[in-house]
Amino acid sequence: MLFFTCLSAFLSPKNAPSRRTFFMSGMPRARLSNALRGLAACIIHTLGGLRREILRPLTRPAALALLIIPCLLIHAPTESRAAQEGEEFIERRGFSGLVQRHMAERAARTAAELAAMDHAIRLLAKEPDIQFANDDKAATVPVSPLLDGLARMLFATPLTASGMQGFPPDIHAVVHVKLVAPEYFRKKLHTAMLSQDIVELYGQILAVQRSLLARYDAVADILLPLRPLDKGGREEAHVLQSIMNEMAALDIFISILPMYEQHWKFPLKAQAELQKAHSLAPKNPLILVSLAEVLLQLDRAPAAMERVGEALRINSQFARAHDVKGAILLRQRLPALAAESFGRAIALSPHNPAYLVHRASAHLVLENEADMCADFQRACAFNDCEGLQWAKNTGKCSRAE
C-alpha cells in the first residue's frame, strides 16, 4: 500500500517538474540534485496521503525508513549514464525561393540527428566498457573508431516537434529530435561490440549523413539569396533535389537495416526496399553492396556481381564491397579469386574478424590448411573463435594454440 501511495505521489502533476528534470538532466551534479528533490517530493506526498495511525506505532527511524525505501526504488538511477539521457536537440535551416520548406525541414532534421549522435558518442566514451577497452593495452580492436557506429546503431532520434521561425525573407524550418537509448542498454552495448562488421556499417551510414548535410548546406547557401525570377541557380536546384533523394534513400536503408544479422532475414522484402532506395540514390555504395548481398542470398550471383562492381567503381576502398565480391566468387567456385578479394577487404579493415573468417573459408576450399588456420587464429584474437574451434574439433588446426 505504501509503495503505491508513493508511486501515485511521484506520478502526480505536482511532482512532474521533479520527474522531468531528473530524467532529462545531463550533468551528474544536476542529476543528483534533481534526484534528491524528487525523493523529497515523494516523501512529502506520501506523508500527506498516509494516516497517522500507520506511522504512530513505529519508532522514528523505522517510520522514516518505511517512507524512504520505496521512494529510493522509484528514484534509483537506471543501468547506465547513456541509458538515462533523453535530451532534445534543435536545428534550423532557412528556406525561400528554390529552397523549399520540406527541403529545409529534412536538412534540419538530419542536422539535429547528427547533433544527437555527437552527444551519444560522448556518452558512450564515458561508458565503463568503452573506457576499459580503450585503456586495455592488450586490446586487439581499436574502440574509438567504432563509437560512430555504436551510437548510430544503439540510439534512436525520434522527431518531437517541427515548425517555422521568423518572417520572410529570413524564415527557417525548425526541427526538434530527442536522443533515446534502448531498453537494456548495457546488454545491447555488449552484443553490439561483438558484431564489428555491423557496427562498421552503421558508422558508414553516419559518415554518409554528415557528407550529405555538408553538401546540402553548401548548395543551399548559393540558392537562398536568389529570388524566384532570377535566372541563375537552376543547376544548383537540381543538385539540391538529388541530395534530397539521397537522404530519402538513406532513410529507407536505415529502416530495414535491423533485418540484417550477417545475412538478410527476409531477403525478398529487403530486395524490394533496397530497389526503392537504389532508384533514389543509384550511386550509393552502401545500398549497392547490400543489394548485392540480397541477390546472392537469392542465388542470383551474376546480378550480385554487377551491383558490387558498380559499388567498387564508385569507391574502390570500400572494404565491405571487396568482402561481398569474395563471397560471390566463392559461390561461383572461384576460391583463389575469392581469397584475393577477401584479402583486399582485410587490408582495408584489418580488425574485422568476419573478413578473416571468410578468407579462411576460401583457404579451406583450396585445401590450404596452414593459411586457413592462421586466419582463424587472427579472427579468434578479435573475439571470433567459432571457426578456430571448429577447425580444432575436426583436426584441421590441431596444432593451433
Protein backbone atom coordinates (compact mmCIF):
# COMPACT_ATOMS: atom_id res chain seq x y z
CA MET A 1 0.00 0.00 0.00
CA LEU A 2 2.77 2.40 0.94
CA PHE A 3 4.61 1.69 -2.30
CA PHE A 4 1.56 2.51 -4.45
CA THR A 5 0.86 5.65 -2.40
CA CYS A 6 4.41 6.81 -3.06
CA LEU A 7 4.18 5.85 -6.73
CA SER A 8 0.98 7.86 -7.17
CA ALA A 9 2.67 10.82 -5.50
CA PHE A 10 5.60 10.52 -7.89
CA LEU A 11 3.28 10.42 -10.88
CA SER A 12 1.10 13.31 -9.72
CA PRO A 13 1.08 16.57 -11.74
CA LYS A 14 2.54 18.48 -8.78
CA ASN A 15 5.66 16.35 -8.90
CA ALA A 16 6.00 16.39 -12.70
CA PRO A 17 8.79 19.03 -12.86
CA SER A 18 10.95 16.98 -10.49
CA ARG A 19 10.47 13.86 -12.56
CA ARG A 20 11.21 15.60 -15.83
CA THR A 21 14.37 17.31 -14.66
CA PHE A 22 15.63 14.10 -13.08
CA PHE A 23 15.41 12.06 -16.23
CA MET A 24 16.37 14.84 -18.64
CA SER A 25 19.43 16.21 -16.82
CA GLY A 26 22.81 15.77 -18.44
CA MET A 27 25.31 16.68 -15.70
CA PRO A 28 25.97 14.38 -12.72
CA ARG A 29 25.56 17.21 -10.17
CA ALA A 30 22.25 18.26 -11.68
CA ARG A 31 21.10 14.66 -11.76
CA LEU A 32 21.90 14.21 -8.05
CA SER A 33 20.16 17.46 -7.13
CA ASN A 34 17.05 16.56 -9.09
CA ALA A 35 17.01 13.04 -7.68
CA LEU A 36 17.09 14.40 -4.13
CA ARG A 37 14.38 16.91 -4.97
CA GLY A 38 12.21 14.14 -6.41
CA LEU A 39 12.88 11.97 -3.36
CA ALA A 40 11.85 14.78 -1.01
CA ALA A 41 8.68 15.42 -3.01
CA CYS A 42 7.86 11.72 -2.89
CA ILE A 43 8.19 11.58 0.91
CA ILE A 44 6.13 14.76 1.43
CA HIS A 45 3.33 13.49 -0.78
CA THR A 46 3.45 10.12 0.92
CA LEU A 47 3.16 11.74 4.35
CA GLY A 48 0.14 13.68 3.15
CA GLY A 49 -1.52 10.51 1.87
CA LEU A 50 -0.97 8.29 4.89
CA ARG A 51 -2.93 8.15 8.12
CA ARG A 52 -1.05 8.99 11.28
CA GLU A 53 -2.19 5.69 12.79
CA ILE A 54 0.05 3.79 10.37
CA LEU A 55 3.22 5.55 11.45
CA ARG A 56 2.41 6.29 15.13
CA PRO A 57 3.23 2.79 16.50
CA LEU A 58 6.66 2.86 14.81
CA THR A 59 9.84 4.43 16.10
CA ARG A 60 11.06 7.46 14.19
CA PRO A 61 13.89 5.63 12.36
CA ALA A 62 11.53 2.83 11.34
CA ALA A 63 8.89 5.26 10.12
CA LEU A 64 11.48 7.21 8.13
CA ALA A 65 12.84 4.01 6.60
CA LEU A 66 9.32 2.94 5.66
CA LEU A 67 8.93 6.21 3.75
CA ILE A 68 12.37 6.43 2.14
CA ILE A 69 12.90 2.87 0.85
CA PRO A 70 10.09 2.81 -1.76
CA CYS A 71 10.94 6.37 -2.80
CA LEU A 72 14.56 5.34 -3.33
CA LEU A 73 13.38 2.46 -5.50
CA ILE A 74 11.38 4.85 -7.66
CA HIS A 75 14.21 7.38 -7.97
CA ALA A 76 17.04 4.88 -8.35
CA PRO A 77 19.34 5.61 -11.34
CA THR A 78 18.97 3.48 -14.44
CA GLU A 79 21.58 0.97 -15.53
CA SER A 80 23.97 3.35 -17.29
CA ARG A 81 24.57 7.01 -17.85
CA ALA A 82 23.87 6.72 -21.57
CA ALA A 83 20.54 4.98 -20.95
CA GLN A 84 19.40 7.91 -18.77
CA GLU A 85 19.76 10.51 -21.46
CA GLY A 86 16.69 11.95 -23.12
CA GLU A 87 17.97 15.32 -24.23
CA GLU A 88 16.36 17.30 -27.01
CA PHE A 89 18.27 18.77 -29.94
CA ILE A 90 17.02 21.66 -32.06
CA GLU A 91 18.30 22.66 -35.51
CA ARG A 92 17.19 25.28 -38.04
CA ARG A 93 17.58 25.68 -41.79
CA GLY A 94 16.43 28.64 -43.86
CA PHE A 95 14.18 28.37 -46.91
CA SER A 96 12.94 30.65 -49.69
CA GLY A 97 12.68 30.56 -53.45
CA LEU A 98 14.30 27.44 -54.86
CA VAL A 99 14.99 26.07 -51.37
CA GLN A 100 11.58 24.72 -50.41
CA ARG A 101 10.30 24.29 -46.88
CA HIS A 102 10.27 20.47 -46.97
CA MET A 103 13.93 20.54 -48.03
CA ALA A 104 14.89 22.80 -45.15
CA GLU A 105 12.92 20.62 -42.71
CA ARG A 106 14.67 17.47 -43.94
CA ALA A 107 18.09 19.08 -43.65
CA ALA A 108 17.29 20.46 -40.20
CA ARG A 109 16.22 17.01 -39.07
CA THR A 110 19.47 15.49 -40.33
CA ALA A 111 21.42 18.24 -38.54
CA ALA A 112 19.52 17.59 -35.30
CA GLU A 113 20.08 13.83 -35.61
CA LEU A 114 23.80 14.38 -36.14
CA ALA A 115 23.98 16.70 -33.12
CA ALA A 116 22.25 14.00 -31.07
CA MET A 117 24.66 11.37 -32.39
CA ASP A 118 27.66 13.52 -31.46
CA HIS A 119 26.27 13.74 -27.93
CA ALA A 120 25.65 9.97 -27.89
CA ILE A 121 29.27 9.38 -28.92
CA ARG A 122 30.47 11.48 -25.98
CA LEU A 123 28.19 9.50 -23.65
CA LEU A 124 29.45 6.18 -24.99
CA ALA A 125 33.06 7.27 -24.49
CA LYS A 126 32.27 7.56 -20.76
CA GLU A 127 30.80 4.07 -20.53
CA PRO A 128 32.94 1.78 -18.33
CA ASP A 129 33.06 -0.93 -21.02
CA ILE A 130 34.33 1.51 -23.64
CA GLN A 131 36.85 3.09 -21.29
CA PHE A 132 38.15 -0.33 -20.26
CA ALA A 133 38.58 -1.37 -23.90
CA ASN A 134 40.40 1.88 -24.71
CA ASP A 135 42.68 1.56 -21.67
CA ASP A 136 43.40 -2.13 -22.20
CA LYS A 137 46.90 -2.26 -23.69
CA ALA A 138 46.25 -5.83 -24.85
CA ALA A 139 43.10 -4.84 -26.73
CA THR A 140 43.26 -6.02 -30.33
CA VAL A 141 40.49 -3.82 -31.76
CA PRO A 142 40.68 0.00 -31.50
CA VAL A 143 37.39 1.04 -29.92
CA SER A 144 37.32 4.78 -30.61
CA PRO A 145 36.72 4.49 -34.40
CA LEU A 146 33.71 2.26 -33.68
CA LEU A 147 31.94 4.83 -31.49
CA ASP A 148 30.18 6.38 -34.51
CA GLY A 149 28.70 3.03 -35.45
CA LEU A 150 27.74 2.12 -31.89
CA ALA A 151 25.95 5.45 -31.44
CA ARG A 152 24.06 5.15 -34.73
CA MET A 153 23.21 1.50 -34.00
CA LEU A 154 22.04 1.86 -30.40
CA PHE A 155 20.38 5.27 -30.07
CA ALA A 156 17.14 6.46 -31.66
CA THR A 157 16.35 10.07 -32.54
CA PRO A 158 12.55 10.41 -32.83
CA LEU A 159 11.06 13.67 -34.08
CA THR A 160 9.36 15.56 -31.24
CA ALA A 161 8.36 18.83 -32.93
CA SER A 162 8.72 20.81 -36.16
CA GLY A 163 7.64 24.24 -37.31
CA MET A 164 8.73 27.60 -38.67
CA GLN A 165 10.51 30.56 -37.19
CA GLY A 166 10.97 34.14 -38.39
CA PHE A 167 9.43 36.21 -41.17
CA PRO A 168 10.17 36.40 -44.92
CA PRO A 169 12.77 36.68 -46.26
CA ASP A 170 14.50 35.40 -43.10
CA ILE A 171 12.40 32.33 -42.32
CA HIS A 172 13.59 28.97 -41.01
CA ALA A 173 12.32 25.44 -40.61
CA VAL A 174 12.85 24.31 -37.02
CA VAL A 175 13.09 20.65 -36.01
CA HIS A 176 13.33 19.05 -32.57
CA VAL A 177 14.56 15.48 -32.04
CA LYS A 178 15.10 13.53 -28.84
CA LEU A 179 18.02 11.24 -28.08
CA VAL A 180 16.65 7.93 -26.79
CA ALA A 181 18.69 4.97 -25.56
CA PRO A 182 17.26 1.45 -25.88
CA GLU A 183 15.97 -0.65 -23.02
CA TYR A 184 18.56 -2.98 -21.50
CA PHE A 185 21.21 -0.61 -22.79
CA ARG A 186 24.24 -2.32 -21.23
CA LYS A 187 23.28 -5.74 -22.61
CA LYS A 188 22.71 -4.34 -26.12
CA LEU A 189 26.03 -2.48 -25.96
CA HIS A 190 27.82 -5.74 -25.15
CA THR A 191 26.08 -7.51 -28.03
CA ALA A 192 26.85 -4.71 -30.49
CA MET A 193 30.54 -4.70 -29.59
CA LEU A 194 30.73 -8.33 -30.72
CA SER A 195 29.36 -7.51 -34.19
CA GLN A 196 32.09 -5.30 -35.58
CA ASP A 197 31.12 -5.63 -39.23
CA ILE A 198 27.57 -4.41 -38.48
CA VAL A 199 28.88 -1.60 -36.25
CA GLU A 200 31.16 -0.52 -39.10
CA LEU A 201 28.16 -0.43 -41.42
CA TYR A 202 26.27 1.88 -39.06
CA GLY A 203 29.37 4.05 -38.79
CA GLN A 204 29.46 4.37 -42.57
CA ILE A 205 25.82 5.46 -42.52
CA LEU A 206 26.72 8.26 -40.12
CA ALA A 207 29.58 9.32 -42.39
CA VAL A 208 27.20 9.47 -45.38
CA GLN A 209 24.71 11.55 -43.37
CA ARG A 210 27.44 14.05 -42.47
CA SER A 211 28.57 14.26 -46.09
CA LEU A 212 25.01 14.80 -47.37
CA LEU A 213 24.34 17.57 -44.86
CA ALA A 214 27.60 19.34 -45.74
CA ARG A 215 26.69 19.16 -49.44
CA TYR A 216 23.17 20.42 -48.74
CA ASP A 217 24.40 23.40 -46.74
CA ALA A 218 26.93 24.35 -49.44
CA VAL A 219 24.28 24.30 -52.21
CA ALA A 220 21.57 25.95 -50.09
CA ASP A 221 23.93 28.83 -49.28
CA ILE A 222 24.12 29.54 -53.02
CA LEU A 223 20.37 29.29 -53.61
CA LEU A 224 18.94 31.14 -50.58
CA PRO A 225 19.91 34.68 -51.71
CA LEU A 226 18.35 34.12 -55.15
CA ARG A 227 14.84 35.34 -55.95
CA PRO A 228 12.30 33.12 -57.78
CA LEU A 229 12.63 35.11 -61.03
CA ASP A 230 16.43 35.06 -61.06
CA LYS A 231 17.93 33.14 -63.99
CA GLY A 232 20.74 31.51 -62.03
CA GLY A 233 20.56 28.58 -59.67
CA ARG A 234 18.79 26.00 -61.83
CA GLU A 235 21.74 23.63 -61.82
CA GLU A 236 22.18 24.01 -58.07
CA ALA A 237 18.44 23.37 -57.57
CA HIS A 238 18.82 20.09 -59.46
CA VAL A 239 21.76 19.13 -57.23
CA LEU A 240 19.73 20.00 -54.15
CA GLN A 241 16.88 17.74 -55.26
CA SER A 242 19.39 14.95 -55.84
CA ILE A 243 20.65 15.38 -52.26
CA MET A 244 17.06 15.15 -51.02
CA ASN A 245 16.65 11.88 -52.91
CA GLU A 246 19.85 10.53 -51.37
CA MET A 247 18.61 11.43 -47.88
CA ALA A 248 15.32 9.64 -48.58
CA ALA A 249 17.21 6.58 -49.86
CA LEU A 250 19.34 6.51 -46.72
CA ASP A 251 16.16 6.65 -44.60
CA ILE A 252 14.89 3.52 -46.38
CA PHE A 253 18.22 1.78 -45.86
CA ILE A 254 18.30 2.63 -42.14
CA SER A 255 14.71 1.42 -41.71
CA ILE A 256 15.49 -2.09 -43.00
CA LEU A 257 18.97 -2.49 -41.51
CA PRO A 258 17.65 -4.17 -38.31
CA MET A 259 16.75 -7.10 -40.61
CA TYR A 260 20.46 -7.67 -41.25
CA GLU A 261 22.40 -10.03 -38.97
CA GLN A 262 25.25 -11.47 -41.06
CA HIS A 263 22.53 -12.16 -43.63
CA TRP A 264 19.15 -10.65 -44.52
CA LYS A 265 16.29 -12.27 -42.56
CA PHE A 266 13.67 -11.51 -45.21
CA PRO A 267 15.59 -11.26 -48.49
CA LEU A 268 12.60 -10.65 -50.76
CA LYS A 269 11.35 -7.79 -48.60
CA ALA A 270 14.87 -6.41 -48.26
CA GLN A 271 15.33 -6.59 -52.03
CA ALA A 272 12.14 -4.61 -52.68
CA GLU A 273 13.14 -1.88 -50.23
CA LEU A 274 16.72 -1.73 -51.45
CA GLN A 275 15.48 -1.40 -55.04
CA LYS A 276 13.43 1.63 -53.96
CA ALA A 277 16.48 3.12 -52.25
CA HIS A 278 18.65 2.37 -55.28
CA SER A 279 16.20 4.15 -57.61
CA LEU A 280 16.57 7.29 -55.44
CA ALA A 281 20.34 7.03 -54.95
CA PRO A 282 21.85 4.87 -57.73
CA LYS A 283 25.43 5.75 -56.72
CA ASN A 284 25.31 4.94 -53.02
CA PRO A 285 27.87 2.14 -52.40
CA LEU A 286 26.20 1.08 -49.13
CA ILE A 287 22.93 0.39 -50.93
CA LEU A 288 24.61 -1.26 -53.92
CA VAL A 289 26.61 -3.68 -51.77
CA SER A 290 23.60 -4.56 -49.61
CA LEU A 291 21.58 -5.19 -52.76
CA ALA A 292 24.39 -7.46 -53.98
CA GLU A 293 24.22 -9.42 -50.70
CA VAL A 294 20.47 -9.90 -51.05
CA LEU A 295 20.80 -11.02 -54.66
CA LEU A 296 23.46 -13.53 -53.63
CA GLN A 297 21.12 -14.90 -50.96
CA LEU A 298 18.51 -15.31 -53.69
CA ASP A 299 21.02 -17.31 -55.81
CA ARG A 300 21.45 -14.53 -58.35
CA ALA A 301 25.24 -14.38 -58.33
CA PRO A 302 25.72 -12.66 -61.75
CA ALA A 303 23.32 -9.83 -60.80
CA ALA A 304 25.04 -9.56 -57.41
CA MET A 305 28.45 -9.24 -59.09
CA GLU A 306 27.05 -6.47 -61.28
CA ARG A 307 25.97 -4.43 -58.26
CA VAL A 308 29.17 -4.95 -56.32
CA GLY A 309 31.16 -3.97 -59.41
CA GLU A 310 29.24 -0.67 -59.56
CA ALA A 311 30.00 -0.05 -55.89
CA LEU A 312 33.74 -0.66 -56.38
CA ARG A 313 33.85 1.66 -59.39
CA ILE A 314 32.39 4.38 -57.17
CA ASN A 315 34.61 3.57 -54.16
CA SER A 316 37.47 1.11 -54.66
CA GLN A 317 38.45 1.47 -50.99
CA PHE A 318 35.17 0.08 -49.67
CA ALA A 319 36.19 -3.00 -47.66
CA ARG A 320 32.68 -4.42 -47.44
CA ALA A 321 32.36 -4.38 -51.24
CA HIS A 322 35.56 -6.46 -51.61
CA ASP A 323 34.26 -8.89 -48.98
CA VAL A 324 30.93 -9.37 -50.75
CA LYS A 325 32.73 -9.76 -54.06
CA GLY A 326 34.77 -12.54 -52.46
CA ALA A 327 31.58 -14.25 -51.28
CA ILE A 328 30.17 -14.11 -54.83
CA LEU A 329 33.39 -15.55 -56.30
CA LEU A 330 33.32 -18.35 -53.73
CA ARG A 331 29.72 -19.14 -54.71
CA GLN A 332 30.90 -19.25 -58.33
CA ARG A 333 33.54 -21.81 -57.32
CA LEU A 334 36.48 -19.47 -57.83
CA PRO A 335 38.15 -19.81 -54.40
CA ALA A 336 41.55 -18.40 -55.40
CA LEU A 337 39.98 -15.18 -56.69
CA ALA A 338 37.71 -15.13 -53.66
CA ALA A 339 40.73 -15.31 -51.32
CA GLU A 340 42.24 -12.32 -53.16
CA SER A 341 39.08 -10.27 -52.71
CA PHE A 342 38.83 -11.19 -49.04
CA GLY A 343 42.48 -10.18 -48.72
CA ARG A 344 41.72 -6.71 -50.10
CA ALA A 345 38.88 -6.35 -47.57
CA ILE A 346 41.24 -7.37 -44.75
CA ALA A 347 43.89 -4.89 -45.91
CA LEU A 348 41.31 -2.09 -45.76
CA SER A 349 39.75 -3.23 -42.47
CA PRO A 350 42.36 -5.35 -40.67
CA HIS A 351 40.47 -5.56 -37.36
CA ASN A 352 37.29 -7.07 -38.79
CA PRO A 353 37.18 -10.78 -37.84
CA ALA A 354 34.38 -11.57 -40.31
CA TYR A 355 36.67 -10.88 -43.27
CA LEU A 356 39.33 -13.19 -41.83
CA VAL A 357 36.80 -15.99 -41.34
CA HIS A 358 35.59 -15.54 -44.91
CA ARG A 359 39.13 -15.82 -46.31
CA ALA A 360 39.70 -18.88 -44.12
CA SER A 361 36.70 -20.49 -45.81
CA ALA A 362 38.31 -19.86 -49.21
CA HIS A 363 41.55 -21.43 -47.98
CA LEU A 364 39.51 -24.41 -46.78
CA VAL A 365 38.14 -24.97 -50.29
CA LEU A 366 41.70 -24.60 -51.67
CA GLU A 367 42.86 -27.18 -49.09
CA ASN A 368 45.39 -24.65 -47.81
CA GLU A 369 45.04 -25.56 -44.16
CA ALA A 370 48.04 -23.60 -42.87
CA ASP A 371 46.66 -20.27 -44.17
CA MET A 372 43.16 -21.27 -43.06
CA CYS A 373 44.35 -21.87 -39.50
CA ALA A 374 46.31 -18.61 -39.49
CA ASP A 375 43.18 -16.66 -40.47
CA PHE A 376 41.06 -18.48 -37.88
CA GLN A 377 43.65 -17.68 -35.21
CA ARG A 378 43.68 -13.99 -36.13
CA ALA A 379 39.87 -13.91 -36.09
CA CYS A 380 39.90 -15.53 -32.64
CA ALA A 381 42.24 -12.76 -31.44
CA PHE A 382 39.36 -10.42 -32.35
CA ASN A 383 36.88 -12.48 -30.26
CA ASP A 384 35.51 -14.62 -33.11
CA CYS A 385 36.70 -18.11 -32.17
CA GLU A 386 33.93 -20.23 -33.65
CA GLY A 387 35.87 -21.07 -36.82
CA LEU A 388 39.05 -21.94 -34.92
CA GLN A 389 37.11 -24.16 -32.53
CA TRP A 390 35.51 -25.99 -35.46
CA ALA A 391 38.92 -26.45 -37.11
CA LYS A 392 40.37 -27.86 -33.88
CA ASN A 393 37.42 -30.20 -33.37
CA THR A 394 37.83 -31.59 -36.90
CA GLY A 395 41.60 -31.95 -36.54
CA LYS A 396 42.42 -29.41 -39.23
CA CYS A 397 44.12 -26.99 -36.83
CA SER A 398 45.15 -29.41 -34.09
CA ARG A 399 48.47 -27.63 -33.56
CA ALA A 400 46.89 -24.17 -33.34
CA GLU A 401 47.32 -22.60 -29.91
